[in-house]
């Protein structure tokens, strides 16, 4: 293969074709006509002396050949490296910049730190800065960050993939919550009381078991989970209108402290570290550095000394 015959637009087209496995969708992403992209695919086949993409047996789209599968990761990374090398490193001015940040986190962590970040960015930035907070999906997180679909992930430090860089933001603890004027009184529950009460917990799929129940099991105890909800902030609604109780992060529950009583748990529950993770390609990007600093500032009153991890 004579690499001198390969021009950059052809390789960019091949990268998109291998991602989409569909000429029509790839042409739309590349902003070219379908016949023009088909012609480029013909030149790529000649260049690599391989079909690269063949009709799928399922009858829709294309299937990559073994040569294409072998080529894709190295080609994609090379294009990312090239983009990083030639990008203009100008100072980031949030008042004038045009940038759309996408941050993956659940509603618990949005309440704990994301809301404060959103408030500061809305105060500091101009109309060209936009924020999208999206639900996290750890299964394809690294891939989506590599593609630039997600800028930052906020989550439990132990769940951040090793391939990402990360930084500790804060440490939080769990506590017991009930509505004010709860008929059980205001004293902290005993372990027996705790297990006999009706609990509400967060579960996307309706499971009645969490890490709390694992800890109780080690004490030979079982609690009664009476209600599950899909989102953390819905717990406060259930607590306000029922005699249910909950065990949740303290900083989340403090948002609703006017209507709740927060009491210590009758058993030891380890705290958790909240961290942010990002792809190495964004490490020196001025806009991304500015975004990460907003999270560091929001966590500063509560965070431990910063610990930044470099992926191996």
C-alpha atoms as a PDB file:
ATOM      1  CA  UNK A   1       0.000   0.000   0.000  1.00  0.00           C
ATOM      2  CA  UNK A   2       1.334   3.452  -0.997  1.00  0.00           C
ATOM      3  CA  UNK A   3       0.212   5.728   1.839  1.00  0.00           C
ATOM      4  CA  UNK A   4       1.096   8.777  -0.264  1.00  0.00           C
ATOM      5  CA  UNK A   5      -2.020   8.108  -2.312  1.00  0.00           C
ATOM      6  CA  UNK A   6      -4.225   8.476   0.762  1.00  0.00           C
ATOM      7  CA  UNK A   7      -5.467  11.990   1.420  1.00  0.00           C
ATOM      8  CA  UNK A   8      -6.958  13.089   4.731  1.00  0.00           C
ATOM      9  CA  UNK A   9     -10.577  13.513   3.539  1.00  0.00           C
ATOM     10  CA  UNK A  10     -10.588   9.898   2.357  1.00  0.00           C
ATOM     11  CA  UNK A  11      -9.400   8.630   5.742  1.00  0.00           C
ATOM     12  CA  UNK A  12     -11.946  10.788   7.560  1.00  0.00           C
ATOM     13  CA  UNK A  13     -14.674   9.345   5.355  1.00  0.00           C
ATOM     14  CA  UNK A  14     -13.479   5.822   6.079  1.00  0.00           C
ATOM     15  CA  UNK A  15     -13.551   6.498   9.840  1.00  0.00           C
ATOM     16  CA  UNK A  16     -17.182   7.653   9.639  1.00  0.00           C
ATOM     17  CA  UNK A  17     -18.166   4.787   7.343  1.00  0.00           C
ATOM     18  CA  UNK A  18     -16.735   2.252   9.792  1.00  0.00           C
ATOM     19  CA  UNK A  19     -18.706   3.855  12.621  1.00  0.00           C
ATOM     20  CA  UNK A  20     -22.023   4.125  10.815  1.00  0.00           C
ATOM     21  CA  UNK A  21     -21.843   0.977   8.621  1.00  0.00           C
ATOM     22  CA  UNK A  22     -24.322   2.778   6.399  1.00  0.00           C
ATOM     23  CA  UNK A  23     -23.442   4.939   3.388  1.00  0.00           C
ATOM     24  CA  UNK A  24     -26.535   7.139   3.662  1.00  0.00           C
ATOM     25  CA  UNK A  25     -26.007   7.987   7.350  1.00  0.00           C
ATOM     26  CA  UNK A  26     -22.274   8.462   6.857  1.00  0.00           C
ATOM     27  CA  UNK A  27     -22.888  10.822   3.918  1.00  0.00           C
ATOM     28  CA  UNK A  28     -25.261  12.840   6.067  1.00  0.00           C
ATOM     29  CA  UNK A  29     -22.643  13.168   8.836  1.00  0.00           C
ATOM     30  CA  UNK A  30     -19.952  14.148   6.334  1.00  0.00           C
ATOM     31  CA  UNK A  31     -22.246  16.586   4.544  1.00  0.00           C
ATOM     32  CA  UNK A  32     -21.606  15.007   1.134  1.00  0.00           C
ATOM     33  CA  UNK A  33     -23.902  13.299  -1.340  1.00  0.00           C
ATOM     34  CA  UNK A  34     -24.365   9.541  -1.238  1.00  0.00           C
ATOM     35  CA  UNK A  35     -22.913   9.058  -4.774  1.00  0.00           C
ATOM     36  CA  UNK A  36     -19.839  11.107  -3.792  1.00  0.00           C
ATOM     37  CA  UNK A  37     -19.267   8.974  -0.696  1.00  0.00           C
ATOM     38  CA  UNK A  38     -19.779   5.772  -2.694  1.00  0.00           C
ATOM     39  CA  UNK A  39     -17.074   6.991  -5.058  1.00  0.00           C
ATOM     40  CA  UNK A  40     -14.773   7.648  -2.114  1.00  0.00           C
ATOM     41  CA  UNK A  41     -15.438   4.123  -0.831  1.00  0.00           C
ATOM     42  CA  UNK A  42     -14.381   2.800  -4.236  1.00  0.00           C
ATOM     43  CA  UNK A  43     -11.090   4.705  -3.997  1.00  0.00           C
ATOM     44  CA  UNK A  44     -10.563   3.404  -0.453  1.00  0.00           C
ATOM     45  CA  UNK A  45     -11.104  -0.185  -1.600  1.00  0.00           C
ATOM     46  CA  UNK A  46      -8.499   0.315  -4.298  1.00  0.00           C
ATOM     47  CA  UNK A  47      -6.112   1.952  -1.839  1.00  0.00           C
ATOM     48  CA  UNK A  48      -6.368  -0.803   0.794  1.00  0.00           C
ATOM     49  CA  UNK A  49      -6.863  -3.625  -1.741  1.00  0.00           C
ATOM     50  CA  UNK A  50      -9.819  -4.841   0.347  1.00  0.00           C
ATOM     51  CA  UNK A  51     -13.613  -4.435   0.083  1.00  0.00           C
ATOM     52  CA  UNK A  52     -13.630  -2.897   3.617  1.00  0.00           C
ATOM     53  CA  UNK A  53     -17.454  -2.842   3.723  1.00  0.00           C
ATOM     54  CA  UNK A  54     -19.768  -5.458   2.205  1.00  0.00           C
ATOM     55  CA  UNK A  55     -23.569  -5.778   2.181  1.00  0.00           C
ATOM     56  CA  UNK A  56     -24.898  -7.041   5.505  1.00  0.00           C
ATOM     57  CA  UNK A  57     -26.482 -10.492   5.548  1.00  0.00           C
ATOM     58  CA  UNK A  58     -29.352  -8.953   7.524  1.00  0.00           C
ATOM     59  CA  UNK A  59     -30.230  -6.945   4.412  1.00  0.00           C
ATOM     60  CA  UNK A  60     -29.681  -3.487   5.943  1.00  0.00           C
ATOM     61  CA  UNK A  61     -26.480  -1.484   6.093  1.00  0.00           C
ATOM     62  CA  UNK A  62     -22.955  -2.783   5.631  1.00  0.00           C
ATOM     63  CA  UNK A  63     -20.669  -5.217   7.449  1.00  0.00           C
ATOM     64  CA  UNK A  64     -16.928  -4.594   7.946  1.00  0.00           C
ATOM     65  CA  UNK A  65     -14.384  -7.026   6.600  1.00  0.00           C
ATOM     66  CA  UNK A  66     -11.663  -8.435   8.915  1.00  0.00           C
ATOM     67  CA  UNK A  67      -9.219  -5.909   7.424  1.00  0.00           C
ATOM     68  CA  UNK A  68     -11.592  -3.064   8.268  1.00  0.00           C
ATOM     69  CA  UNK A  69     -12.035  -4.301  11.836  1.00  0.00           C
ATOM     70  CA  UNK A  70      -8.261  -4.460  12.204  1.00  0.00           C
ATOM     71  CA  UNK A  71      -7.856  -0.959  10.777  1.00  0.00           C
ATOM     72  CA  UNK A  72     -10.637   0.918  12.590  1.00  0.00           C
ATOM     73  CA  UNK A  73      -9.214   1.495  16.115  1.00  0.00           C
ATOM     74  CA  UNK A  74      -5.795   2.642  14.908  1.00  0.00           C
ATOM     75  CA  UNK A  75      -7.301   4.908  12.254  1.00  0.00           C
ATOM     76  CA  UNK A  76      -9.776   6.469  14.680  1.00  0.00           C
ATOM     77  CA  UNK A  77      -7.096   7.154  17.294  1.00  0.00           C
ATOM     78  CA  UNK A  78      -4.746   8.615  14.676  1.00  0.00           C
ATOM     79  CA  UNK A  79      -7.409  11.073  13.539  1.00  0.00           C
ATOM     80  CA  UNK A  80      -8.117  12.073  17.152  1.00  0.00           C
ATOM     81  CA  UNK A  81      -4.400  12.636  17.751  1.00  0.00           C
ATOM     82  CA  UNK A  82      -4.148  14.731  14.598  1.00  0.00           C
ATOM     83  CA  UNK A  83      -7.121  16.830  15.643  1.00  0.00           C
ATOM     84  CA  UNK A  84      -5.566  17.401  19.048  1.00  0.00           C
ATOM     85  CA  UNK A  85      -2.234  18.369  17.510  1.00  0.00           C
ATOM     86  CA  UNK A  86      -3.582  21.028  15.146  1.00  0.00           C
ATOM     87  CA  UNK A  87      -6.334  22.573  17.294  1.00  0.00           C
ATOM     88  CA  UNK A  88      -5.721  26.243  18.007  1.00  0.00           C
ATOM     89  CA  UNK A  89      -4.971  26.617  21.728  1.00  0.00           C
ATOM     90  CA  UNK A  90      -6.470  30.048  22.281  1.00  0.00           C
ATOM     91  CA  UNK A  91      -7.487  31.317  25.697  1.00  0.00           C
ATOM     92  CA  UNK A  92     -11.043  30.289  26.556  1.00  0.00           C
ATOM     93  CA  UNK A  93     -13.390  33.232  27.109  1.00  0.00           C
ATOM     94  CA  UNK A  94     -16.764  31.964  28.405  1.00  0.00           C
ATOM     95  CA  UNK A  95     -18.395  35.340  27.682  1.00  0.00           C
ATOM     96  CA  UNK A  96     -17.680  35.076  23.956  1.00  0.00           C
ATOM     97  CA  UNK A  97     -17.131  31.366  23.275  1.00  0.00           C
ATOM     98  CA  UNK A  98     -19.548  29.068  21.477  1.00  0.00           C
ATOM     99  CA  UNK A  99     -19.458  25.700  23.241  1.00  0.00           C
ATOM    100  CA  UNK A 100     -21.894  22.907  24.123  1.00  0.00           C
ATOM    101  CA  UNK A 101     -20.819  20.891  27.173  1.00  0.00           C
ATOM    102  CA  UNK A 102     -22.349  17.460  27.846  1.00  0.00           C
ATOM    103  CA  UNK A 103     -22.027  16.092  31.394  1.00  0.00           C
ATOM    104  CA  UNK A 104     -23.104  12.578  32.375  1.00  0.00           C
ATOM    105  CA  UNK A 105     -24.382  12.142  35.932  1.00  0.00           C
ATOM    106  CA  UNK A 106     -27.444  10.888  37.784  1.00  0.00           C
ATOM    107  CA  UNK A 107     -29.966  13.144  39.513  1.00  0.00           C
ATOM    108  CA  UNK A 108     -28.376  12.477  42.919  1.00  0.00           C
ATOM    109  CA  UNK A 109     -25.051  13.943  41.830  1.00  0.00           C
ATOM    110  CA  UNK A 110     -26.775  16.693  39.861  1.00  0.00           C
ATOM    111  CA  UNK A 111     -28.412  17.783  43.127  1.00  0.00           C
ATOM    112  CA  UNK A 112     -25.192  17.451  45.140  1.00  0.00           C
ATOM    113  CA  UNK A 113     -22.892  19.355  42.769  1.00  0.00           C
ATOM    114  CA  UNK A 114     -24.281  19.727  39.232  1.00  0.00           C
ATOM    115  CA  UNK A 115     -26.859  22.357  40.161  1.00  0.00           C
ATOM    116  CA  UNK A 116     -24.206  24.586  41.747  1.00  0.00           C
ATOM    117  CA  UNK A 117     -22.059  24.247  38.617  1.00  0.00           C
ATOM    118  CA  UNK A 118     -24.996  25.116  36.358  1.00  0.00           C
ATOM    119  CA  UNK A 119     -25.759  28.190  38.443  1.00  0.00           C
ATOM    120  CA  UNK A 120     -22.148  29.434  38.290  1.00  0.00           C
ATOM    121  CA  UNK A 121     -21.851  28.831  34.549  1.00  0.00           C
ATOM    122  CA  UNK A 122     -25.100  30.680  33.874  1.00  0.00           C
ATOM    123  CA  UNK A 123     -23.739  33.607  35.886  1.00  0.00           C
ATOM    124  CA  UNK A 124     -20.262  33.628  34.290  1.00  0.00           C
ATOM    125  CA  UNK A 125     -20.838  32.598  30.689  1.00  0.00           C
ATOM    126  CA  UNK A 126     -22.344  34.298  27.699  1.00  0.00           C
ATOM    127  CA  UNK A 127     -25.212  33.020  25.532  1.00  0.00           C
ATOM    128  CA  UNK A 128     -22.866  30.844  23.477  1.00  0.00           C
ATOM    129  CA  UNK A 129     -22.290  28.386  26.348  1.00  0.00           C
ATOM    130  CA  UNK A 130     -24.865  25.615  26.643  1.00  0.00           C
ATOM    131  CA  UNK A 131     -25.086  22.703  29.072  1.00  0.00           C
ATOM    132  CA  UNK A 132     -26.612  19.267  28.658  1.00  0.00           C
ATOM    133  CA  UNK A 133     -26.836  17.027  31.731  1.00  0.00           C
ATOM    134  CA  UNK A 134     -27.509  13.460  30.594  1.00  0.00           C
ATOM    135  CA  UNK A 135     -28.073  10.142  32.347  1.00  0.00           C
ATOM    136  CA  UNK A 136     -24.860   8.108  32.628  1.00  0.00           C
ATOM    137  CA  UNK A 137     -24.267   4.792  30.901  1.00  0.00           C
ATOM    138  CA  UNK A 138     -21.027   3.307  32.207  1.00  0.00           C
ATOM    139  CA  UNK A 139     -20.997   0.474  29.638  1.00  0.00           C
ATOM    140  CA  UNK A 140     -19.974   2.656  26.676  1.00  0.00           C
ATOM    141  CA  UNK A 141     -18.736   5.699  28.586  1.00  0.00           C
ATOM    142  CA  UNK A 142     -15.117   5.646  27.417  1.00  0.00           C
ATOM    143  CA  UNK A 143     -16.122   5.178  23.774  1.00  0.00           C
ATOM    144  CA  UNK A 144     -18.607   8.066  23.891  1.00  0.00           C
ATOM    145  CA  UNK A 145     -16.023  10.316  25.542  1.00  0.00           C
ATOM    146  CA  UNK A 146     -13.454   9.365  22.919  1.00  0.00           C
ATOM    147  CA  UNK A 147     -15.906  10.416  20.223  1.00  0.00           C
ATOM    148  CA  UNK A 148     -16.595  13.709  22.009  1.00  0.00           C
ATOM    149  CA  UNK A 149     -20.240  12.894  22.734  1.00  0.00           C
ATOM    150  CA  UNK A 150     -19.670  13.343  26.488  1.00  0.00           C
ATOM    151  CA  UNK A 151     -17.244  15.840  28.009  1.00  0.00           C
ATOM    152  CA  UNK A 152     -17.334  14.905  31.675  1.00  0.00           C
ATOM    153  CA  UNK A 153     -18.594  12.068  33.857  1.00  0.00           C
ATOM    154  CA  UNK A 154     -19.502  12.616  37.519  1.00  0.00           C
ATOM    155  CA  UNK A 155     -19.877   9.498  39.646  1.00  0.00           C
ATOM    156  CA  UNK A 156     -18.566   7.211  42.352  1.00  0.00           C
ATOM    157  CA  UNK A 157     -14.775   7.169  42.063  1.00  0.00           C
ATOM    158  CA  UNK A 158     -14.604   3.365  41.902  1.00  0.00           C
ATOM    159  CA  UNK A 159     -16.926   3.334  38.851  1.00  0.00           C
ATOM    160  CA  UNK A 160     -14.784   5.607  36.690  1.00  0.00           C
ATOM    161  CA  UNK A 161     -13.096   3.465  34.003  1.00  0.00           C
ATOM    162  CA  UNK A 162      -9.340   3.072  34.353  1.00  0.00           C
ATOM    163  CA  UNK A 163      -8.865   4.405  30.815  1.00  0.00           C
ATOM    164  CA  UNK A 164     -10.061   7.851  31.910  1.00  0.00           C
ATOM    165  CA  UNK A 165      -8.292  10.541  33.847  1.00  0.00           C
ATOM    166  CA  UNK A 166     -10.057  11.415  37.095  1.00  0.00           C
ATOM    167  CA  UNK A 167     -10.060  13.748  40.066  1.00  0.00           C
ATOM    168  CA  UNK A 168     -11.666  13.434  43.478  1.00  0.00           C
ATOM    169  CA  UNK A 169     -14.297  16.085  44.154  1.00  0.00           C
ATOM    170  CA  UNK A 170     -15.777  15.348  47.571  1.00  0.00           C
ATOM    171  CA  UNK A 171     -16.639  12.678  50.119  1.00  0.00           C
ATOM    172  CA  UNK A 172     -20.191  12.165  51.359  1.00  0.00           C
ATOM    173  CA  UNK A 173     -21.871   9.944  53.928  1.00  0.00           C
ATOM    174  CA  UNK A 174     -25.228   8.221  54.277  1.00  0.00           C
ATOM    175  CA  UNK A 175     -27.817   9.143  56.857  1.00  0.00           C
ATOM    176  CA  UNK A 176     -31.355   8.253  57.920  1.00  0.00           C
ATOM    177  CA  UNK A 177     -34.245  10.516  56.861  1.00  0.00           C
ATOM    178  CA  UNK A 178     -37.893  10.819  57.860  1.00  0.00           C
ATOM    179  CA  UNK A 179     -40.506  13.541  57.550  1.00  0.00           C
ATOM    180  CA  UNK A 180     -40.915  16.035  60.327  1.00  0.00           C
ATOM    181  CA  UNK A 181     -43.644  15.121  62.826  1.00  0.00           C
ATOM    182  CA  UNK A 182     -43.097  11.443  62.027  1.00  0.00           C
ATOM    183  CA  UNK A 183     -45.148   9.275  64.424  1.00  0.00           C
ATOM    184  CA  UNK A 184     -42.058   7.303  65.480  1.00  0.00           C
ATOM    185  CA  UNK A 185     -40.598  10.389  67.176  1.00  0.00           C
ATOM    186  CA  UNK A 186     -37.365  12.317  66.657  1.00  0.00           C
ATOM    187  CA  UNK A 187     -34.832   9.993  68.256  1.00  0.00           C
ATOM    188  CA  UNK A 188     -32.301   8.097  66.182  1.00  0.00           C
ATOM    189  CA  UNK A 189     -33.587   4.597  65.343  1.00  0.00           C
ATOM    190  CA  UNK A 190     -32.197   1.430  66.864  1.00  0.00           C
ATOM    191  CA  UNK A 191     -31.218  -1.338  64.482  1.00  0.00           C
ATOM    192  CA  UNK A 192     -34.443  -3.200  65.320  1.00  0.00           C
ATOM    193  CA  UNK A 193     -36.551  -0.068  64.722  1.00  0.00           C
ATOM    194  CA  UNK A 194     -34.762   0.597  61.454  1.00  0.00           C
ATOM    195  CA  UNK A 195     -35.522  -2.862  60.057  1.00  0.00           C
ATOM    196  CA  UNK A 196     -39.213  -2.713  60.984  1.00  0.00           C
ATOM    197  CA  UNK A 197     -39.926   0.614  59.284  1.00  0.00           C
ATOM    198  CA  UNK A 198     -41.176   1.011  55.702  1.00  0.00           C
ATOM    199  CA  UNK A 199     -38.293   2.131  53.483  1.00  0.00           C
ATOM    200  CA  UNK A 200     -38.280   3.925  50.141  1.00  0.00           C
ATOM    201  CA  UNK A 201     -35.252   3.453  47.900  1.00  0.00           C
ATOM    202  CA  UNK A 202     -34.065   4.308  44.399  1.00  0.00           C
ATOM    203  CA  UNK A 203     -34.097   1.526  41.825  1.00  0.00           C
ATOM    204  CA  UNK A 204     -34.248   1.997  38.066  1.00  0.00           C
ATOM    205  CA  UNK A 205     -35.540  -1.519  37.530  1.00  0.00           C
ATOM    206  CA  UNK A 206     -37.694  -1.891  40.650  1.00  0.00           C
ATOM    207  CA  UNK A 207     -35.242  -4.132  42.540  1.00  0.00           C
ATOM    208  CA  UNK A 208     -35.776  -4.221  46.302  1.00  0.00           C
ATOM    209  CA  UNK A 209     -32.115  -4.632  47.194  1.00  0.00           C
ATOM    210  CA  UNK A 210     -29.159  -2.249  47.389  1.00  0.00           C
ATOM    211  CA  UNK A 211     -25.764  -1.865  49.056  1.00  0.00           C
ATOM    212  CA  UNK A 212     -27.610  -0.911  52.255  1.00  0.00           C
ATOM    213  CA  UNK A 213     -29.147  -4.383  52.374  1.00  0.00           C
ATOM    214  CA  UNK A 214     -25.720  -5.966  51.864  1.00  0.00           C
ATOM    215  CA  UNK A 215     -24.466  -4.161  54.971  1.00  0.00           C
ATOM    216  CA  UNK A 216     -27.540  -5.187  56.965  1.00  0.00           C
ATOM    217  CA  UNK A 217     -27.061  -8.802  55.883  1.00  0.00           C
ATOM    218  CA  UNK A 218     -23.615  -8.792  57.445  1.00  0.00           C
ATOM    219  CA  UNK A 219     -25.335  -7.876  60.707  1.00  0.00           C
ATOM    220  CA  UNK A 220     -27.875 -10.670  60.197  1.00  0.00           C
ATOM    221  CA  UNK A 221     -30.691  -8.178  59.557  1.00  0.00           C
ATOM    222  CA  UNK A 222     -33.249  -7.496  56.823  1.00  0.00           C
ATOM    223  CA  UNK A 223     -35.203  -4.273  56.265  1.00  0.00           C
ATOM    224  CA  UNK A 224     -38.570  -3.862  54.553  1.00  0.00           C
ATOM    225  CA  UNK A 225     -38.397  -1.921  51.290  1.00  0.00           C
ATOM    226  CA  UNK A 226     -41.990  -0.821  50.743  1.00  0.00           C
ATOM    227  CA  UNK A 227     -41.532   1.579  47.786  1.00  0.00           C
ATOM    228  CA  UNK A 228     -38.996   2.052  44.993  1.00  0.00           C
ATOM    229  CA  UNK A 229     -38.740   5.103  42.705  1.00  0.00           C
ATOM    230  CA  UNK A 230     -36.535   5.603  39.641  1.00  0.00           C
ATOM    231  CA  UNK A 231     -35.001   8.945  40.685  1.00  0.00           C
ATOM    232  CA  UNK A 232     -33.344  10.176  43.873  1.00  0.00           C
ATOM    233  CA  UNK A 233     -35.262  13.433  44.116  1.00  0.00           C
ATOM    234  CA  UNK A 234     -38.569  11.543  44.084  1.00  0.00           C
ATOM    235  CA  UNK A 235     -37.659  10.058  47.463  1.00  0.00           C
ATOM    236  CA  UNK A 236     -38.291  13.427  49.129  1.00  0.00           C
ATOM    237  CA  UNK A 237     -41.836  13.452  47.711  1.00  0.00           C
ATOM    238  CA  UNK A 238     -42.552  10.000  49.151  1.00  0.00           C
ATOM    239  CA  UNK A 239     -41.084  10.938  52.535  1.00  0.00           C
ATOM    240  CA  UNK A 240     -43.189  14.108  52.687  1.00  0.00           C
ATOM    241  CA  UNK A 241     -46.511  12.314  52.063  1.00  0.00           C
ATOM    242  CA  UNK A 242     -45.992   8.986  53.866  1.00  0.00           C
ATOM    243  CA  UNK A 243     -44.448   7.467  56.970  1.00  0.00           C
ATOM    244  CA  UNK A 244     -41.694   5.848  54.893  1.00  0.00           C
ATOM    245  CA  UNK A 245     -38.059   6.461  55.775  1.00  0.00           C
ATOM    246  CA  UNK A 246     -34.929   6.485  53.609  1.00  0.00           C
ATOM    247  CA  UNK A 247     -31.162   6.060  53.720  1.00  0.00           C
ATOM    248  CA  UNK A 248     -29.461   8.395  51.260  1.00  0.00           C
ATOM    249  CA  UNK A 249     -26.414  10.678  50.889  1.00  0.00           C
ATOM    250  CA  UNK A 250     -26.453  13.512  53.400  1.00  0.00           C
ATOM    251  CA  UNK A 251     -25.803  16.282  50.866  1.00  0.00           C
ATOM    252  CA  UNK A 252     -28.755  15.160  48.755  1.00  0.00           C
ATOM    253  CA  UNK A 253     -31.092  15.078  51.744  1.00  0.00           C
ATOM    254  CA  UNK A 254     -29.925  18.489  52.958  1.00  0.00           C
ATOM    255  CA  UNK A 255     -31.649  20.008  49.928  1.00  0.00           C
ATOM    256  CA  UNK A 256     -34.931  18.998  51.566  1.00  0.00           C
ATOM    257  CA  UNK A 257     -33.937  19.641  55.186  1.00  0.00           C
ATOM    258  CA  UNK A 258     -36.840  22.053  55.768  1.00  0.00           C
ATOM    259  CA  UNK A 259     -39.293  19.153  55.645  1.00  0.00           C
ATOM    260  CA  UNK A 260     -37.083  16.301  56.848  1.00  0.00           C
ATOM    261  CA  UNK A 261     -35.282  15.152  59.947  1.00  0.00           C
ATOM    262  CA  UNK A 262     -31.813  13.718  59.298  1.00  0.00           C
ATOM    263  CA  UNK A 263     -30.622  11.240  61.901  1.00  0.00           C
ATOM    264  CA  UNK A 264     -27.598   8.943  62.286  1.00  0.00           C
ATOM    265  CA  UNK A 265     -27.815   5.362  61.090  1.00  0.00           C
ATOM    266  CA  UNK A 266     -27.864   2.564  63.700  1.00  0.00           C
ATOM    267  CA  UNK A 267     -25.068   0.722  61.865  1.00  0.00           C
ATOM    268  CA  UNK A 268     -21.776   1.772  60.242  1.00  0.00           C
ATOM    269  CA  UNK A 269     -22.062   2.616  56.547  1.00  0.00           C
ATOM    270  CA  UNK A 270     -18.855   3.541  54.694  1.00  0.00           C
ATOM    271  CA  UNK A 271     -18.752   6.970  53.006  1.00  0.00           C
ATOM    272  CA  UNK A 272     -18.249   7.298  49.271  1.00  0.00           C
ATOM    273  CA  UNK A 273     -15.986   9.455  47.100  1.00  0.00           C
ATOM    274  CA  UNK A 274     -17.492  11.514  44.297  1.00  0.00           C
ATOM    275  CA  UNK A 275     -15.127  12.135  41.381  1.00  0.00           C
ATOM    276  CA  UNK A 276     -15.097  13.437  37.826  1.00  0.00           C
ATOM    277  CA  UNK A 277     -13.654  11.552  34.870  1.00  0.00           C
ATOM    278  CA  UNK A 278     -12.643  12.735  31.399  1.00  0.00           C
ATOM    279  CA  UNK A 279     -10.875  11.437  28.317  1.00  0.00           C
ATOM    280  CA  UNK A 280      -7.130  12.080  28.012  1.00  0.00           C
ATOM    281  CA  UNK A 281      -7.642  13.892  24.708  1.00  0.00           C
ATOM    282  CA  UNK A 282      -9.435  16.691  26.596  1.00  0.00           C
ATOM    283  CA  UNK A 283      -6.713  17.100  29.237  1.00  0.00           C
ATOM    284  CA  UNK A 284      -5.200  20.295  27.799  1.00  0.00           C
ATOM    285  CA  UNK A 285      -8.262  21.714  26.045  1.00  0.00           C
ATOM    286  CA  UNK A 286      -8.880  25.233  27.471  1.00  0.00           C
ATOM    287  CA  UNK A 287     -12.677  24.937  27.350  1.00  0.00           C
ATOM    288  CA  UNK A 288     -12.607  21.567  29.087  1.00  0.00           C
ATOM    289  CA  UNK A 289     -10.149  22.831  31.696  1.00  0.00           C
ATOM    290  CA  UNK A 290     -12.553  25.688  32.421  1.00  0.00           C
ATOM    291  CA  UNK A 291     -15.451  23.249  32.822  1.00  0.00           C
ATOM    292  CA  UNK A 292     -13.492  20.995  35.186  1.00  0.00           C
ATOM    293  CA  UNK A 293     -12.499  23.987  37.289  1.00  0.00           C
ATOM    294  CA  UNK A 294     -16.181  24.831  37.783  1.00  0.00           C
ATOM    295  CA  UNK A 295     -16.728  21.419  39.382  1.00  0.00           C
ATOM    296  CA  UNK A 296     -13.613  21.763  41.523  1.00  0.00           C
ATOM    297  CA  UNK A 297     -14.827  25.158  42.764  1.00  0.00           C
ATOM    298  CA  UNK A 298     -18.306  23.803  43.510  1.00  0.00           C
ATOM    299  CA  UNK A 299     -16.809  20.985  45.574  1.00  0.00           C
ATOM    300  CA  UNK A 300     -14.105  23.041  47.303  1.00  0.00           C
ATOM    301  CA  UNK A 301     -15.891  23.640  50.647  1.00  0.00           C
ATOM    302  CA  UNK A 302     -16.279  19.895  51.176  1.00  0.00           C
ATOM    303  CA  UNK A 303     -13.563  18.138  49.204  1.00  0.00           C
ATOM    304  CA  UNK A 304     -10.453  16.345  50.393  1.00  0.00           C
ATOM    305  CA  UNK A 305      -7.032  17.317  48.918  1.00  0.00           C
ATOM    306  CA  UNK A 306      -7.155  16.877  45.143  1.00  0.00           C
ATOM    307  CA  UNK A 307      -5.961  13.591  43.733  1.00  0.00           C
ATOM    308  CA  UNK A 308      -5.698  13.384  39.957  1.00  0.00           C
ATOM    309  CA  UNK A 309      -5.279   9.990  38.307  1.00  0.00           C
ATOM    310  CA  UNK A 310      -3.417   9.425  35.095  1.00  0.00           C
ATOM    311  CA  UNK A 311      -4.620   6.382  33.117  1.00  0.00           C
ATOM    312  CA  UNK A 312      -2.077   3.630  32.668  1.00  0.00           C
END
